[in-house]
Amino acid sequence: MIPQHLLSIDQLDETAITRILDTARGLRSVTDRPLKKLPTLRGRTVCNLFYEPSTRTRVSFELAAKRLSADVINFQADARSSVSKGESLKDTAWTLEAMGVDALVVRHPSSGAAAQLSRWVRARVINAGDGRHEHPTQALLDLFSMRERFGTLAGLKVVIVGDIAHSRVARSNVKGLVTMGADVTLVGPPTLVPPQVESWGAKVSYDLDAVLDDADVCYLLRVQRERLGAPAFPTLREYAALWGLDRARAARLKPDALVMHPGPINRGVEIAADVADLPRAVILEQVANGVAVRMSLLYLMLGGAEEPPGGGR
């Protein structure tokens, strides 16, 4: 069952994830049409409520809503908004809901902000990233991208590399992948791998070279320098040498293995510039798939039909 609000991957079981991905597959064909529109959400209003900078996620949700014919409001909490005058998240949300908003897509630097927002409003709330907590729609588009290439997620060996401690993407991906039967290993500097990660259902390694050869997917996380307090490793050069995916490491991957990254990329840090441009690097494919997955969520959460347009898998 699709929840009223999507706040965490924990809300989705295997059946729900499969339904979202199947619906996305049916909706993806819309992007190949000359007229990239469906009338499904005509008369609905979706607000992107972003308290952090974003390009991919905000534009992806905007395109997804517009392709379903919804009206879209983009709210950026900056000097041009009432947030600069001290308006609270609650009052901002209530103001937008009073204007007839049907869904709030929220990104916020505080963990739990999306969940709190869902208690204040009747509109549907979709978590587009809250602090270090979760980023469920990123995980869903990543699962979709993997499933499209491999046909299934069950049994896939996925290595997630980098700044696990600050990554909401890692948390959501591990939960989603484990639910779908994948085998997940988290890799990174000891200072950036929280001690509780094994409770997520993933294995842990601090040696990328030891786990690379068997990987079906090598998923690289951005080093979040804006979230780091004290230095977690001596230099970026050392990080790249020990945990970055360079050409030599990429050559050791299985022939059909994928390289993935949520973006934006720090070229030369977590991934070498030439590796990011290899055919096995599906980073732009992830971006394209993100529109279809977010269309699927909006379609299902705002009253879509039982069967996805175009048919599922």
C-alpha atoms as a PDB file:
ATOM      1  CA  MET A   1       0.000   0.000   0.000  1.00  0.00           C
ATOM      2  CA  ILE A   2       1.258   3.487  -0.891  1.00  0.00           C
ATOM      3  CA  PRO A   3       1.343   5.694   2.234  1.00  0.00           C
ATOM      4  CA  GLN A   4      -0.478   8.996   2.544  1.00  0.00           C
ATOM      5  CA  HIS A   5       2.879  10.710   3.148  1.00  0.00           C
ATOM      6  CA  LEU A   6       6.248   9.401   1.955  1.00  0.00           C
ATOM      7  CA  LEU A   7       8.680  10.197   4.762  1.00  0.00           C
ATOM      8  CA  SER A   8      10.941   7.142   4.849  1.00  0.00           C
ATOM      9  CA  ILE A   9      11.716   4.028   2.832  1.00  0.00           C
ATOM     10  CA  ASP A  10      10.739   2.130   6.006  1.00  0.00           C
ATOM     11  CA  GLN A  11       7.099   2.802   5.062  1.00  0.00           C
ATOM     12  CA  LEU A  12       7.412   0.734   1.884  1.00  0.00           C
ATOM     13  CA  ASP A  13       7.439  -3.048   1.752  1.00  0.00           C
ATOM     14  CA  GLU A  14       8.498  -5.084  -1.277  1.00  0.00           C
ATOM     15  CA  THR A  15       5.013  -4.938  -2.802  1.00  0.00           C
ATOM     16  CA  ALA A  16       4.785  -1.143  -2.495  1.00  0.00           C
ATOM     17  CA  ILE A  17       8.264  -0.586  -3.935  1.00  0.00           C
ATOM     18  CA  THR A  18       7.487  -2.918  -6.828  1.00  0.00           C
ATOM     19  CA  ARG A  19       4.273  -1.052  -7.557  1.00  0.00           C
ATOM     20  CA  ILE A  20       6.059   2.320  -7.590  1.00  0.00           C
ATOM     21  CA  LEU A  21       8.781   1.013  -9.905  1.00  0.00           C
ATOM     22  CA  ASP A  22       6.283  -0.707 -12.226  1.00  0.00           C
ATOM     23  CA  THR A  23       4.218   2.480 -12.448  1.00  0.00           C
ATOM     24  CA  ALA A  24       7.365   4.502 -13.184  1.00  0.00           C
ATOM     25  CA  ARG A  25       8.202   2.131 -16.008  1.00  0.00           C
ATOM     26  CA  GLY A  26       4.818   2.731 -17.569  1.00  0.00           C
ATOM     27  CA  LEU A  27       5.077   6.502 -17.148  1.00  0.00           C
ATOM     28  CA  ARG A  28       8.628   6.741 -18.499  1.00  0.00           C
ATOM     29  CA  SER A  29       7.319   6.430 -22.051  1.00  0.00           C
ATOM     30  CA  VAL A  30       5.703   9.856 -21.634  1.00  0.00           C
ATOM     31  CA  THR A  31       9.150  11.464 -21.800  1.00  0.00           C
ATOM     32  CA  ASP A  32       9.664  10.011 -25.288  1.00  0.00           C
ATOM     33  CA  ARG A  33       6.507  11.571 -26.716  1.00  0.00           C
ATOM     34  CA  PRO A  34       6.491  14.811 -28.720  1.00  0.00           C
ATOM     35  CA  LEU A  35       3.888  16.114 -26.253  1.00  0.00           C
ATOM     36  CA  LYS A  36       5.197  15.156 -22.805  1.00  0.00           C
ATOM     37  CA  LYS A  37       1.911  15.505 -20.924  1.00  0.00           C
ATOM     38  CA  LEU A  38      -0.760  13.423 -19.262  1.00  0.00           C
ATOM     39  CA  PRO A  39      -3.969  14.971 -17.854  1.00  0.00           C
ATOM     40  CA  THR A  40      -3.903  12.810 -14.708  1.00  0.00           C
ATOM     41  CA  LEU A  41      -3.301  15.563 -12.126  1.00  0.00           C
ATOM     42  CA  ARG A  42      -5.005  18.459 -13.878  1.00  0.00           C
ATOM     43  CA  GLY A  43      -6.394  20.781 -11.216  1.00  0.00           C
ATOM     44  CA  ARG A  44      -3.944  19.575  -8.554  1.00  0.00           C
ATOM     45  CA  THR A  45      -1.220  21.812  -7.101  1.00  0.00           C
ATOM     46  CA  VAL A  46       2.226  20.606  -6.021  1.00  0.00           C
ATOM     47  CA  CYS A  47       4.572  22.839  -4.038  1.00  0.00           C
ATOM     48  CA  ASN A  48       8.319  22.264  -3.903  1.00  0.00           C
ATOM     49  CA  LEU A  49       9.188  23.578  -0.425  1.00  0.00           C
ATOM     50  CA  PHE A  50      12.987  23.714  -0.370  1.00  0.00           C
ATOM     51  CA  TYR A  51      15.031  24.966   2.574  1.00  0.00           C
ATOM     52  CA  GLU A  52      18.296  23.699   1.066  1.00  0.00           C
ATOM     53  CA  PRO A  53      19.878  24.298  -2.347  1.00  0.00           C
ATOM     54  CA  SER A  54      18.981  21.715  -4.978  1.00  0.00           C
ATOM     55  CA  THR A  55      19.058  21.356  -8.732  1.00  0.00           C
ATOM     56  CA  ARG A  56      18.353  17.720  -9.598  1.00  0.00           C
ATOM     57  CA  THR A  57      15.666  16.946  -7.030  1.00  0.00           C
ATOM     58  CA  ARG A  58      13.727  20.200  -7.327  1.00  0.00           C
ATOM     59  CA  VAL A  59      13.739  20.293 -11.131  1.00  0.00           C
ATOM     60  CA  SER A  60      12.923  16.570 -11.274  1.00  0.00           C
ATOM     61  CA  PHE A  61       9.838  17.012  -9.092  1.00  0.00           C
ATOM     62  CA  GLU A  62       8.821  20.096 -11.048  1.00  0.00           C
ATOM     63  CA  LEU A  63       9.031  18.246 -14.364  1.00  0.00           C
ATOM     64  CA  ALA A  64       7.253  15.212 -12.910  1.00  0.00           C
ATOM     65  CA  ALA A  65       4.324  17.308 -11.689  1.00  0.00           C
ATOM     66  CA  LYS A  66       4.066  19.324 -14.905  1.00  0.00           C
ATOM     67  CA  ARG A  67       4.125  16.196 -17.066  1.00  0.00           C
ATOM     68  CA  LEU A  68       1.086  15.012 -15.117  1.00  0.00           C
ATOM     69  CA  SER A  69      -0.537  18.438 -15.757  1.00  0.00           C
ATOM     70  CA  ALA A  70      -0.383  19.605 -12.127  1.00  0.00           C
ATOM     71  CA  ASP A  71       0.209  23.258 -11.260  1.00  0.00           C
ATOM     72  CA  VAL A  72       3.596  23.770  -9.598  1.00  0.00           C
ATOM     73  CA  ILE A  73       4.821  26.289  -7.023  1.00  0.00           C
ATOM     74  CA  ASN A  74       8.548  26.486  -6.319  1.00  0.00           C
ATOM     75  CA  PHE A  75       9.283  27.890  -2.859  1.00  0.00           C
ATOM     76  CA  GLN A  76      12.933  28.531  -2.042  1.00  0.00           C
ATOM     77  CA  ALA A  77      13.635  29.625   1.546  1.00  0.00           C
ATOM     78  CA  ASP A  78      15.961  32.561   0.899  1.00  0.00           C
ATOM     79  CA  ALA A  79      16.083  36.328   1.199  1.00  0.00           C
ATOM     80  CA  ARG A  80      13.107  36.657  -1.156  1.00  0.00           C
ATOM     81  CA  SER A  81      10.757  34.652   1.089  1.00  0.00           C
ATOM     82  CA  SER A  82       9.083  35.344   4.432  1.00  0.00           C
ATOM     83  CA  VAL A  83      11.498  32.894   6.046  1.00  0.00           C
ATOM     84  CA  SER A  84      14.019  35.745   6.018  1.00  0.00           C
ATOM     85  CA  LYS A  85      11.534  37.666   8.212  1.00  0.00           C
ATOM     86  CA  GLY A  86      11.344  34.841  10.739  1.00  0.00           C
ATOM     87  CA  GLU A  87       8.361  32.859   9.477  1.00  0.00           C
ATOM     88  CA  SER A  88       8.352  29.302  10.822  1.00  0.00           C
ATOM     89  CA  LEU A  89       8.070  26.100   8.801  1.00  0.00           C
ATOM     90  CA  LYS A  90       4.607  25.524  10.296  1.00  0.00           C
ATOM     91  CA  ASP A  91       3.303  28.963   9.321  1.00  0.00           C
ATOM     92  CA  THR A  92       4.792  28.696   5.836  1.00  0.00           C
ATOM     93  CA  ALA A  93       3.147  25.288   5.351  1.00  0.00           C
ATOM     94  CA  TRP A  94      -0.209  26.509   6.664  1.00  0.00           C
ATOM     95  CA  THR A  95      -0.051  29.534   4.368  1.00  0.00           C
ATOM     96  CA  LEU A  96       0.606  27.355   1.336  1.00  0.00           C
ATOM     97  CA  GLU A  97      -2.120  24.890   2.291  1.00  0.00           C
ATOM     98  CA  ALA A  98      -4.583  27.762   2.684  1.00  0.00           C
ATOM     99  CA  MET A  99      -3.887  28.560  -0.966  1.00  0.00           C
ATOM    100  CA  GLY A 100      -5.052  25.077  -1.967  1.00  0.00           C
ATOM    101  CA  VAL A 101      -1.797  23.090  -2.260  1.00  0.00           C
ATOM    102  CA  ASP A 102      -2.423  19.341  -2.582  1.00  0.00           C
ATOM    103  CA  ALA A 103       1.148  18.084  -2.068  1.00  0.00           C
ATOM    104  CA  LEU A 104       4.245  19.488  -0.386  1.00  0.00           C
ATOM    105  CA  VAL A 105       7.629  18.213  -1.533  1.00  0.00           C
ATOM    106  CA  VAL A 106       9.958  19.274   1.265  1.00  0.00           C
ATOM    107  CA  ARG A 107      13.731  19.437   1.560  1.00  0.00           C
ATOM    108  CA  HIS A 108      15.055  20.652   4.902  1.00  0.00           C
ATOM    109  CA  PRO A 109      18.388  20.624   6.767  1.00  0.00           C
ATOM    110  CA  SER A 110      16.773  19.219   9.939  1.00  0.00           C
ATOM    111  CA  SER A 111      16.200  15.478  10.285  1.00  0.00           C
ATOM    112  CA  GLY A 112      12.527  14.786  10.920  1.00  0.00           C
ATOM    113  CA  ALA A 113      11.267  18.011   9.336  1.00  0.00           C
ATOM    114  CA  ALA A 114       9.156  16.182   6.754  1.00  0.00           C
ATOM    115  CA  ALA A 115       7.563  13.976   9.415  1.00  0.00           C
ATOM    116  CA  GLN A 116       6.725  17.009  11.547  1.00  0.00           C
ATOM    117  CA  LEU A 117       5.262  18.781   8.543  1.00  0.00           C
ATOM    118  CA  SER A 118       2.966  15.825   7.847  1.00  0.00           C
ATOM    119  CA  ARG A 119       1.403  16.310  11.310  1.00  0.00           C
ATOM    120  CA  TRP A 120       0.520  19.919  10.552  1.00  0.00           C
ATOM    121  CA  VAL A 121      -1.072  19.727   7.103  1.00  0.00           C
ATOM    122  CA  ARG A 122      -3.727  17.746   5.268  1.00  0.00           C
ATOM    123  CA  ALA A 123      -1.769  17.926   2.006  1.00  0.00           C
ATOM    124  CA  ARG A 124       0.383  14.969   1.000  1.00  0.00           C
ATOM    125  CA  VAL A 125       4.000  15.340   2.145  1.00  0.00           C
ATOM    126  CA  ILE A 126       6.935  13.853   0.248  1.00  0.00           C
ATOM    127  CA  ASN A 127      10.367  13.890   1.852  1.00  0.00           C
ATOM    128  CA  ALA A 128      12.922  15.204  -0.654  1.00  0.00           C
ATOM    129  CA  GLY A 129      15.759  14.960   1.877  1.00  0.00           C
ATOM    130  CA  ASP A 130      15.763  15.844   5.577  1.00  0.00           C
ATOM    131  CA  GLY A 131      19.113  16.470   7.240  1.00  0.00           C
ATOM    132  CA  ARG A 132      21.112  13.261   7.627  1.00  0.00           C
ATOM    133  CA  HIS A 133      17.950  11.175   7.905  1.00  0.00           C
ATOM    134  CA  GLU A 134      16.612   9.990   4.548  1.00  0.00           C
ATOM    135  CA  HIS A 135      16.078  10.748   0.868  1.00  0.00           C
ATOM    136  CA  PRO A 136      13.491   8.124  -0.144  1.00  0.00           C
ATOM    137  CA  THR A 137      12.827   9.277  -3.702  1.00  0.00           C
ATOM    138  CA  GLN A 138      16.557   9.179  -4.521  1.00  0.00           C
ATOM    139  CA  ALA A 139      16.634   5.581  -3.311  1.00  0.00           C
ATOM    140  CA  LEU A 140      13.594   4.693  -5.404  1.00  0.00           C
ATOM    141  CA  LEU A 141      15.096   6.122  -8.579  1.00  0.00           C
ATOM    142  CA  ASP A 142      18.337   4.271  -7.839  1.00  0.00           C
ATOM    143  CA  LEU A 143      16.445   1.001  -7.342  1.00  0.00           C
ATOM    144  CA  PHE A 144      14.586   1.660 -10.579  1.00  0.00           C
ATOM    145  CA  SER A 145      17.853   2.278 -12.454  1.00  0.00           C
ATOM    146  CA  MET A 146      19.380  -0.953 -11.134  1.00  0.00           C
ATOM    147  CA  ARG A 147      16.278  -3.010 -11.871  1.00  0.00           C
ATOM    148  CA  GLU A 148      16.054  -1.708 -15.424  1.00  0.00           C
ATOM    149  CA  ARG A 149      19.619  -2.881 -16.098  1.00  0.00           C
ATOM    150  CA  PHE A 150      19.581  -6.202 -14.242  1.00  0.00           C
ATOM    151  CA  GLY A 151      15.897  -7.160 -14.376  1.00  0.00           C
ATOM    152  CA  THR A 152      15.750  -7.793 -10.637  1.00  0.00           C
ATOM    153  CA  LEU A 153      17.171  -6.470  -7.388  1.00  0.00           C
ATOM    154  CA  ALA A 154      17.167  -9.778  -5.557  1.00  0.00           C
ATOM    155  CA  GLY A 155      20.705 -11.076  -5.080  1.00  0.00           C
ATOM    156  CA  LEU A 156      22.442  -7.994  -6.495  1.00  0.00           C
ATOM    157  CA  LYS A 157      25.734  -7.155  -4.812  1.00  0.00           C
ATOM    158  CA  VAL A 158      25.783  -3.405  -4.235  1.00  0.00           C
ATOM    159  CA  VAL A 159      28.806  -1.598  -2.809  1.00  0.00           C
ATOM    160  CA  ILE A 160      28.073   1.901  -1.451  1.00  0.00           C
ATOM    161  CA  VAL A 161      31.264   3.903  -0.966  1.00  0.00           C
ATOM    162  CA  GLY A 162      32.072   7.121   0.848  1.00  0.00           C
ATOM    163  CA  ASP A 163      30.655   9.466   3.433  1.00  0.00           C
ATOM    164  CA  ILE A 164      28.121   7.111   5.022  1.00  0.00           C
ATOM    165  CA  ALA A 165      27.873   9.132   8.242  1.00  0.00           C
ATOM    166  CA  HIS A 166      26.357  12.219   6.632  1.00  0.00           C
ATOM    167  CA  SER A 167      24.501  10.525   3.788  1.00  0.00           C
ATOM    168  CA  ARG A 168      20.712  10.381   3.796  1.00  0.00           C
ATOM    169  CA  VAL A 169      21.047   8.745   0.372  1.00  0.00           C
ATOM    170  CA  ALA A 170      23.001   5.833   1.872  1.00  0.00           C
ATOM    171  CA  ARG A 171      20.415   5.258   4.602  1.00  0.00           C
ATOM    172  CA  SER A 172      17.487   5.177   2.202  1.00  0.00           C
ATOM    173  CA  ASN A 173      19.290   3.059  -0.375  1.00  0.00           C
ATOM    174  CA  VAL A 174      20.362   0.439   2.150  1.00  0.00           C
ATOM    175  CA  LYS A 175      16.818   0.109   3.485  1.00  0.00           C
ATOM    176  CA  GLY A 176      15.299  -0.144   0.021  1.00  0.00           C
ATOM    177  CA  LEU A 177      17.895  -2.554  -1.336  1.00  0.00           C
ATOM    178  CA  VAL A 178      17.699  -4.861   1.679  1.00  0.00           C
ATOM    179  CA  THR A 179      13.895  -4.897   1.422  1.00  0.00           C
ATOM    180  CA  MET A 180      14.201  -5.973  -2.214  1.00  0.00           C
ATOM    181  CA  GLY A 181      16.689  -8.752  -1.439  1.00  0.00           C
ATOM    182  CA  ALA A 182      19.987  -7.157  -2.464  1.00  0.00           C
ATOM    183  CA  ASP A 183      23.319  -7.766  -0.712  1.00  0.00           C
ATOM    184  CA  VAL A 184      24.727  -4.393   0.410  1.00  0.00           C
ATOM    185  CA  THR A 185      28.244  -3.538   1.605  1.00  0.00           C
ATOM    186  CA  LEU A 186      29.122  -0.098   2.957  1.00  0.00           C
ATOM    187  CA  VAL A 187      32.696   1.098   2.468  1.00  0.00           C
ATOM    188  CA  GLY A 188      34.508   4.209   3.622  1.00  0.00           C
ATOM    189  CA  PRO A 189      36.962   5.734   6.072  1.00  0.00           C
ATOM    190  CA  PRO A 190      36.372   4.488   9.641  1.00  0.00           C
ATOM    191  CA  THR A 191      35.620   8.084  10.637  1.00  0.00           C
ATOM    192  CA  LEU A 192      32.746   8.228   8.121  1.00  0.00           C
ATOM    193  CA  VAL A 193      31.115   4.846   8.799  1.00  0.00           C
ATOM    194  CA  PRO A 194      28.806   5.041  11.857  1.00  0.00           C
ATOM    195  CA  PRO A 195      29.107   2.120  14.301  1.00  0.00           C
ATOM    196  CA  GLN A 196      25.380   1.299  14.049  1.00  0.00           C
ATOM    197  CA  VAL A 197      25.306   0.689  10.274  1.00  0.00           C
ATOM    198  CA  GLU A 198      25.283  -3.090  10.589  1.00  0.00           C
ATOM    199  CA  SER A 199      21.840  -2.747  12.193  1.00  0.00           C
ATOM    200  CA  TRP A 200      20.657  -1.438   8.808  1.00  0.00           C
ATOM    201  CA  GLY A 201      21.175  -4.912   7.333  1.00  0.00           C
ATOM    202  CA  ALA A 202      24.371  -4.088   5.437  1.00  0.00           C
ATOM    203  CA  LYS A 203      27.895  -5.427   5.696  1.00  0.00           C
ATOM    204  CA  VAL A 204      30.796  -3.078   6.442  1.00  0.00           C
ATOM    205  CA  SER A 205      34.293  -2.849   4.969  1.00  0.00           C
ATOM    206  CA  TYR A 206      36.970  -0.181   5.105  1.00  0.00           C
ATOM    207  CA  ASP A 207      38.850  -1.564   2.095  1.00  0.00           C
ATOM    208  CA  LEU A 208      37.317  -0.791  -1.299  1.00  0.00           C
ATOM    209  CA  ASP A 209      39.752  -3.030  -3.162  1.00  0.00           C
ATOM    210  CA  ALA A 210      38.653  -6.042  -1.092  1.00  0.00           C
ATOM    211  CA  VAL A 211      35.003  -5.852  -2.222  1.00  0.00           C
ATOM    212  CA  LEU A 212      35.187  -4.329  -5.686  1.00  0.00           C
ATOM    213  CA  ASP A 213      35.663  -7.429  -7.850  1.00  0.00           C
ATOM    214  CA  ASP A 214      32.314  -9.035  -6.912  1.00  0.00           C
ATOM    215  CA  ALA A 215      30.208  -5.876  -7.097  1.00  0.00           C
ATOM    216  CA  ASP A 216      27.298  -5.598  -9.515  1.00  0.00           C
ATOM    217  CA  VAL A 217      26.924  -1.929  -8.619  1.00  0.00           C
ATOM    218  CA  CYS A 218      29.538   0.476  -7.286  1.00  0.00           C
ATOM    219  CA  TYR A 219      27.586   3.394  -5.828  1.00  0.00           C
ATOM    220  CA  LEU A 220      29.756   6.395  -4.953  1.00  0.00           C
ATOM    221  CA  LEU A 221      28.661   9.029  -2.466  1.00  0.00           C
ATOM    222  CA  ARG A 222      29.679  12.661  -2.571  1.00  0.00           C
ATOM    223  CA  VAL A 223      32.087  13.781   0.132  1.00  0.00           C
ATOM    224  CA  GLN A 224      29.876  16.298   1.927  1.00  0.00           C
ATOM    225  CA  ARG A 225      32.466  18.859   2.894  1.00  0.00           C
ATOM    226  CA  GLU A 226      29.737  21.310   3.917  1.00  0.00           C
ATOM    227  CA  ARG A 227      28.585  18.868   6.634  1.00  0.00           C
ATOM    228  CA  LEU A 228      32.007  17.865   7.930  1.00  0.00           C
ATOM    229  CA  GLY A 229      33.129  19.434  11.190  1.00  0.00           C
ATOM    230  CA  ALA A 230      36.619  18.275  12.108  1.00  0.00           C
ATOM    231  CA  PRO A 231      38.502  16.717   9.185  1.00  0.00           C
ATOM    232  CA  ALA A 232      37.473  13.068   8.758  1.00  0.00           C
ATOM    233  CA  PHE A 233      40.564  12.203   6.703  1.00  0.00           C
ATOM    234  CA  PRO A 234      43.920  13.918   6.139  1.00  0.00           C
ATOM    235  CA  THR A 235      43.455  15.189   2.567  1.00  0.00           C
ATOM    236  CA  LEU A 236      41.163  14.822  -0.420  1.00  0.00           C
ATOM    237  CA  ARG A 237      44.096  13.292  -2.281  1.00  0.00           C
ATOM    238  CA  GLU A 238      44.357  10.535   0.298  1.00  0.00           C
ATOM    239  CA  TYR A 239      40.611   9.967   0.181  1.00  0.00           C
ATOM    240  CA  ALA A 240      40.747   9.601  -3.611  1.00  0.00           C
ATOM    241  CA  ALA A 241      43.679   7.190  -3.366  1.00  0.00           C
ATOM    242  CA  LEU A 242      41.989   4.893  -0.840  1.00  0.00           C
ATOM    243  CA  TRP A 243      38.256   5.171  -1.567  1.00  0.00           C
ATOM    244  CA  GLY A 244      37.935   6.890  -4.935  1.00  0.00           C
ATOM    245  CA  LEU A 245      37.012   5.015  -8.116  1.00  0.00           C
ATOM    246  CA  ASP A 246      39.802   5.618 -10.607  1.00  0.00           C
ATOM    247  CA  ARG A 247      40.359   4.007 -14.006  1.00  0.00           C
ATOM    248  CA  ALA A 248      42.373   1.092 -12.566  1.00  0.00           C
ATOM    249  CA  ARG A 249      39.656   0.200 -10.048  1.00  0.00           C
ATOM    250  CA  ALA A 250      36.914   0.611 -12.640  1.00  0.00           C
ATOM    251  CA  ALA A 251      38.725  -1.858 -14.904  1.00  0.00           C
ATOM    252  CA  ARG A 252      38.432  -4.510 -12.178  1.00  0.00           C
ATOM    253  CA  LEU A 253      34.647  -4.340 -12.105  1.00  0.00           C
ATOM    254  CA  LYS A 254      32.644  -7.092 -13.763  1.00  0.00           C
ATOM    255  CA  PRO A 255      31.855  -6.360 -17.436  1.00  0.00           C
ATOM    256  CA  ASP A 256      28.187  -5.571 -16.727  1.00  0.00           C
ATOM    257  CA  ALA A 257      28.718  -3.791 -13.385  1.00  0.00           C
ATOM    258  CA  LEU A 258      27.315  -0.277 -13.043  1.00  0.00           C
ATOM    259  CA  VAL A 259      28.851   2.855 -11.578  1.00  0.00           C
ATOM    260  CA  MET A 260      26.306   5.132  -9.891  1.00  0.00           C
ATOM    261  CA  HIS A 261      26.384   8.476  -8.086  1.00  0.00           C
ATOM    262  CA  PRO A 262      23.532  10.649  -6.725  1.00  0.00           C
ATOM    263  CA  GLY A 263      25.222  13.898  -7.833  1.00  0.00           C
ATOM    264  CA  PRO A 264      26.574  16.459  -7.801  1.00  0.00           C
ATOM    265  CA  ILE A 265      29.936  14.829  -8.557  1.00  0.00           C
ATOM    266  CA  ASN A 266      33.254  15.881  -7.059  1.00  0.00           C
ATOM    267  CA  ARG A 267      35.364  14.816 -10.024  1.00  0.00           C
ATOM    268  CA  GLY A 268      38.771  13.642  -8.941  1.00  0.00           C
ATOM    269  CA  VAL A 269      37.632  12.906  -5.377  1.00  0.00           C
ATOM    270  CA  GLU A 270      35.082  10.088  -5.121  1.00  0.00           C
ATOM    271  CA  ILE A 271      35.266   9.402  -8.843  1.00  0.00           C
ATOM    272  CA  ALA A 272      37.911  10.150 -11.468  1.00  0.00           C
ATOM    273  CA  ALA A 273      36.824  12.476 -14.258  1.00  0.00           C
ATOM    274  CA  ASP A 274      37.320   9.876 -16.996  1.00  0.00           C
ATOM    275  CA  VAL A 275      35.485   7.165 -15.020  1.00  0.00           C
ATOM    276  CA  ALA A 276      32.432   9.405 -14.633  1.00  0.00           C
ATOM    277  CA  ASP A 277      32.173   9.499 -18.434  1.00  0.00           C
ATOM    278  CA  LEU A 278      32.429   5.734 -19.026  1.00  0.00           C
ATOM    279  CA  PRO A 279      29.394   3.941 -20.554  1.00  0.00           C
ATOM    280  CA  ARG A 280      29.015   1.891 -17.360  1.00  0.00           C
ATOM    281  CA  ALA A 281      28.537   5.127 -15.378  1.00  0.00           C
ATOM    282  CA  VAL A 282      24.753   5.628 -15.470  1.00  0.00           C
ATOM    283  CA  ILE A 283      24.689   8.918 -13.581  1.00  0.00           C
ATOM    284  CA  LEU A 284      22.662  10.786 -16.215  1.00  0.00           C
ATOM    285  CA  GLU A 285      20.384   7.761 -16.602  1.00  0.00           C
ATOM    286  CA  GLN A 286      19.651   8.061 -12.873  1.00  0.00           C
ATOM    287  CA  VAL A 287      18.658  11.689 -13.424  1.00  0.00           C
ATOM    288  CA  ALA A 288      16.309  10.773 -16.280  1.00  0.00           C
ATOM    289  CA  ASN A 289      14.786   7.917 -14.304  1.00  0.00           C
ATOM    290  CA  GLY A 290      14.203  10.276 -11.391  1.00  0.00           C
ATOM    291  CA  VAL A 291      11.524  12.121 -13.340  1.00  0.00           C
ATOM    292  CA  ALA A 292       9.624   8.895 -14.070  1.00  0.00           C
ATOM    293  CA  VAL A 293       9.849   7.679 -10.465  1.00  0.00           C
ATOM    294  CA  ARG A 294       8.621  10.992  -9.085  1.00  0.00           C
ATOM    295  CA  MET A 295       5.807  11.004 -11.642  1.00  0.00           C
ATOM    296  CA  SER A 296       4.886   7.566 -10.314  1.00  0.00           C
ATOM    297  CA  LEU A 297       4.762   8.766  -6.710  1.00  0.00           C
ATOM    298  CA  LEU A 298       2.699  11.836  -7.502  1.00  0.00           C
ATOM    299  CA  TYR A 299       0.373   9.733  -9.656  1.00  0.00           C
ATOM    300  CA  LEU A 300      -0.171   7.137  -6.927  1.00  0.00           C
ATOM    301  CA  MET A 301      -0.323   9.521  -3.960  1.00  0.00           C
ATOM    302  CA  LEU A 302      -2.649  12.074  -5.522  1.00  0.00           C
ATOM    303  CA  GLY A 303      -5.302   9.646  -6.695  1.00  0.00           C
ATOM    304  CA  GLY A 304      -3.906   7.731  -9.659  1.00  0.00           C
ATOM    305  CA  ALA A 305      -5.719   4.762 -11.119  1.00  0.00           C
ATOM    306  CA  GLU A 306      -4.990   1.163 -10.119  1.00  0.00           C
ATOM    307  CA  GLU A 307      -3.159   0.350 -13.351  1.00  0.00           C
ATOM    308  CA  PRO A 308      -0.241   2.538 -14.495  1.00  0.00           C
ATOM    309  CA  PRO A 309      -0.647   4.186 -17.906  1.00  0.00           C
ATOM    310  CA  GLY A 310       1.340   2.272 -20.484  1.00  0.00           C
ATOM    311  CA  GLY A 311       1.389  -0.886 -18.334  1.00  0.00           C
ATOM    312  CA  GLY A 312       3.940  -2.074 -15.802  1.00  0.00           C
ATOM    313  CA  ARG A 313       6.654  -4.693 -15.963  1.00  0.00           C
END
